[in-house]
N, C-alpha and C. Protein backbone atom coordinates (compact mmCIF):
# COMPACT_ATOMS: atom_id res chain seq x y z
N MET A 1 -21.07 9.79 66.61
CA MET A 1 -22.18 10.52 66.05
C MET A 1 -22.26 11.89 66.72
N SER A 2 -22.51 12.90 65.94
CA SER A 2 -22.57 14.25 66.49
C SER A 2 -23.99 14.55 66.98
N ASN A 3 -24.05 15.51 67.86
CA ASN A 3 -25.34 15.95 68.38
C ASN A 3 -25.79 17.19 67.63
N LEU A 4 -26.50 16.97 66.54
CA LEU A 4 -27.06 18.09 65.79
C LEU A 4 -28.29 18.59 66.52
N THR A 5 -28.45 19.88 66.50
CA THR A 5 -29.64 20.46 67.10
C THR A 5 -30.44 21.18 66.01
N TYR A 6 -31.65 21.52 66.37
CA TYR A 6 -32.48 22.30 65.45
C TYR A 6 -31.74 23.57 65.04
N ARG A 7 -31.10 24.19 66.01
CA ARG A 7 -30.40 25.46 65.74
C ARG A 7 -29.31 25.27 64.69
N ASP A 8 -28.55 24.18 64.78
CA ASP A 8 -27.51 23.89 63.79
C ASP A 8 -28.10 23.78 62.39
N VAL A 9 -29.20 23.06 62.29
CA VAL A 9 -29.86 22.85 61.00
C VAL A 9 -30.41 24.18 60.47
N ALA A 10 -31.06 24.94 61.34
CA ALA A 10 -31.64 26.22 60.93
C ALA A 10 -30.56 27.18 60.44
N TYR A 11 -29.43 27.23 61.14
CA TYR A 11 -28.34 28.10 60.71
C TYR A 11 -27.79 27.66 59.36
N SER A 12 -27.64 26.37 59.17
CA SER A 12 -27.12 25.86 57.90
C SER A 12 -28.07 26.18 56.75
N LEU A 13 -29.36 25.98 56.97
CA LEU A 13 -30.34 26.27 55.92
C LEU A 13 -30.39 27.77 55.62
N THR A 14 -30.31 28.59 56.65
CA THR A 14 -30.32 30.03 56.45
C THR A 14 -29.06 30.47 55.70
N ASP A 15 -27.92 29.88 56.04
CA ASP A 15 -26.68 30.18 55.33
C ASP A 15 -26.80 29.79 53.85
N ALA A 16 -27.37 28.62 53.60
CA ALA A 16 -27.56 28.18 52.21
C ALA A 16 -28.46 29.17 51.46
N ARG A 17 -29.50 29.63 52.12
CA ARG A 17 -30.41 30.60 51.50
C ARG A 17 -29.68 31.88 51.14
N LEU A 18 -28.84 32.37 52.04
CA LEU A 18 -28.09 33.60 51.77
C LEU A 18 -27.10 33.39 50.63
N GLN A 19 -26.52 32.22 50.53
CA GLN A 19 -25.61 31.93 49.43
C GLN A 19 -26.36 31.89 48.10
N ILE A 20 -27.58 31.37 48.10
CA ILE A 20 -28.40 31.35 46.89
C ILE A 20 -28.71 32.78 46.45
N ILE A 21 -29.01 33.65 47.41
CA ILE A 21 -29.29 35.05 47.10
C ILE A 21 -28.07 35.71 46.46
N GLN A 22 -26.89 35.46 47.03
CA GLN A 22 -25.66 36.02 46.47
C GLN A 22 -25.40 35.49 45.07
N LEU A 23 -25.61 34.21 44.87
CA LEU A 23 -25.41 33.61 43.55
C LEU A 23 -26.39 34.21 42.54
N ALA A 24 -27.64 34.41 42.95
CA ALA A 24 -28.63 35.01 42.05
C ALA A 24 -28.20 36.41 41.64
N LYS A 25 -27.68 37.16 42.59
CA LYS A 25 -27.21 38.51 42.28
C LYS A 25 -26.05 38.46 41.28
N GLN A 26 -25.12 37.55 41.52
CA GLN A 26 -23.97 37.41 40.62
C GLN A 26 -24.40 36.98 39.22
N VAL A 27 -25.30 36.01 39.14
CA VAL A 27 -25.78 35.52 37.85
C VAL A 27 -26.52 36.63 37.11
N ASP A 28 -27.31 37.41 37.86
CA ASP A 28 -28.04 38.52 37.25
C ASP A 28 -27.07 39.57 36.70
N GLU A 29 -26.02 39.86 37.46
CA GLU A 29 -25.01 40.82 37.00
C GLU A 29 -24.27 40.31 35.76
N ASP A 30 -24.17 38.99 35.64
CA ASP A 30 -23.52 38.39 34.47
C ASP A 30 -24.44 38.36 33.26
N GLY A 31 -25.69 38.80 33.44
CA GLY A 31 -26.60 38.93 32.31
C GLY A 31 -27.60 37.82 32.12
N ASP A 32 -27.66 36.86 33.03
CA ASP A 32 -28.61 35.76 32.89
C ASP A 32 -29.76 35.95 33.88
N SER A 33 -30.66 36.86 33.53
CA SER A 33 -31.75 37.18 34.45
C SER A 33 -32.72 36.03 34.64
N ALA A 34 -32.89 35.18 33.64
CA ALA A 34 -33.79 34.03 33.77
C ALA A 34 -33.26 33.06 34.83
N ALA A 35 -31.98 32.79 34.80
CA ALA A 35 -31.38 31.90 35.81
C ALA A 35 -31.44 32.54 37.19
N ALA A 36 -31.23 33.84 37.25
CA ALA A 36 -31.31 34.55 38.53
C ALA A 36 -32.72 34.46 39.10
N ASP A 37 -33.73 34.57 38.25
CA ASP A 37 -35.12 34.45 38.70
C ASP A 37 -35.39 33.06 39.27
N VAL A 38 -34.85 32.03 38.63
CA VAL A 38 -35.02 30.66 39.12
C VAL A 38 -34.37 30.52 40.49
N LEU A 39 -33.18 31.06 40.65
CA LEU A 39 -32.49 31.00 41.94
C LEU A 39 -33.27 31.75 43.01
N ARG A 40 -33.82 32.90 42.67
CA ARG A 40 -34.61 33.66 43.65
C ARG A 40 -35.87 32.89 44.05
N ASP A 41 -36.49 32.23 43.08
CA ASP A 41 -37.66 31.40 43.39
C ASP A 41 -37.28 30.28 44.35
N GLU A 42 -36.14 29.65 44.10
CA GLU A 42 -35.70 28.55 44.97
C GLU A 42 -35.37 29.04 46.37
N GLN A 43 -34.78 30.20 46.50
CA GLN A 43 -34.49 30.70 47.84
C GLN A 43 -35.77 31.07 48.57
N ARG A 44 -36.79 31.51 47.84
CA ARG A 44 -38.09 31.79 48.48
C ARG A 44 -38.72 30.50 48.99
N ARG A 45 -38.59 29.42 48.20
CA ARG A 45 -39.11 28.12 48.64
C ARG A 45 -38.37 27.65 49.89
N LEU A 46 -37.06 27.83 49.90
CA LEU A 46 -36.27 27.44 51.06
C LEU A 46 -36.66 28.28 52.28
N ALA A 47 -36.87 29.56 52.09
CA ALA A 47 -37.30 30.43 53.19
C ALA A 47 -38.64 29.96 53.74
N SER A 48 -39.55 29.59 52.86
CA SER A 48 -40.86 29.08 53.28
C SER A 48 -40.71 27.79 54.07
N PHE A 49 -39.84 26.90 53.59
CA PHE A 49 -39.61 25.64 54.29
C PHE A 49 -39.04 25.90 55.69
N ILE A 50 -38.07 26.80 55.79
CA ILE A 50 -37.48 27.13 57.09
C ILE A 50 -38.55 27.67 58.03
N HIS A 51 -39.39 28.55 57.52
CA HIS A 51 -40.47 29.13 58.33
C HIS A 51 -41.43 28.05 58.82
N GLN A 52 -41.83 27.15 57.93
CA GLN A 52 -42.73 26.06 58.31
C GLN A 52 -42.09 25.15 59.35
N MET A 53 -40.82 24.83 59.14
CA MET A 53 -40.11 23.97 60.07
C MET A 53 -40.04 24.61 61.45
N GLU A 54 -39.74 25.89 61.51
CA GLU A 54 -39.69 26.60 62.79
C GLU A 54 -41.04 26.55 63.48
N GLY A 55 -42.10 26.77 62.72
CA GLY A 55 -43.45 26.73 63.29
C GLY A 55 -43.79 25.37 63.85
N ARG A 56 -43.44 24.32 63.15
CA ARG A 56 -43.73 22.97 63.61
C ARG A 56 -42.94 22.63 64.87
N ILE A 57 -41.69 23.04 64.89
CA ILE A 57 -40.87 22.76 66.07
C ILE A 57 -41.38 23.54 67.27
N LEU A 58 -41.71 24.80 67.07
CA LEU A 58 -42.26 25.59 68.18
C LEU A 58 -43.57 25.00 68.68
N ALA A 59 -44.41 24.54 67.76
CA ALA A 59 -45.68 23.93 68.15
C ALA A 59 -45.43 22.65 68.94
N ALA A 60 -44.45 21.88 68.53
CA ALA A 60 -44.15 20.63 69.24
C ALA A 60 -43.59 20.89 70.63
N LEU A 61 -42.90 22.01 70.80
CA LEU A 61 -42.31 22.33 72.10
C LEU A 61 -43.26 23.08 73.02
N SER A 62 -44.35 23.59 72.47
CA SER A 62 -45.31 24.38 73.25
C SER A 62 -46.37 23.47 73.86
N PRO A 63 -46.93 23.89 74.99
CA PRO A 63 -48.03 23.11 75.57
C PRO A 63 -49.23 23.07 74.62
N GLN A 64 -50.01 22.04 74.74
CA GLN A 64 -51.20 21.91 73.89
C GLN A 64 -52.17 23.07 74.15
N VAL A 65 -52.82 23.51 73.10
CA VAL A 65 -53.79 24.60 73.21
C VAL A 65 -54.93 24.14 74.10
N GLY A 66 -55.28 24.98 75.05
CA GLY A 66 -56.39 24.66 75.94
C GLY A 66 -56.00 23.80 77.13
N GLU A 67 -54.80 23.30 77.13
CA GLU A 67 -54.35 22.46 78.24
C GLU A 67 -53.86 23.35 79.37
N ARG A 68 -54.35 23.10 80.56
CA ARG A 68 -53.94 23.90 81.71
C ARG A 68 -53.29 23.01 82.74
N ARG A 69 -52.33 23.58 83.43
CA ARG A 69 -51.63 22.80 84.46
C ARG A 69 -52.06 23.23 85.82
């Protein structure tokens, strides 16, 4: 079993997002702007998911609010 880290997952998701952006550009250049819009919407959803995931991980790794050592 491999040791996947958050960083590995984040890089993979970000790479997938960039590929979706490139595909949307290509589809738009081919004349299918409706499909390109759908792809752009999906990459925005993926970007939002990545952002939320990062926030949750950072929150889990951070000390509790108001907790003092």
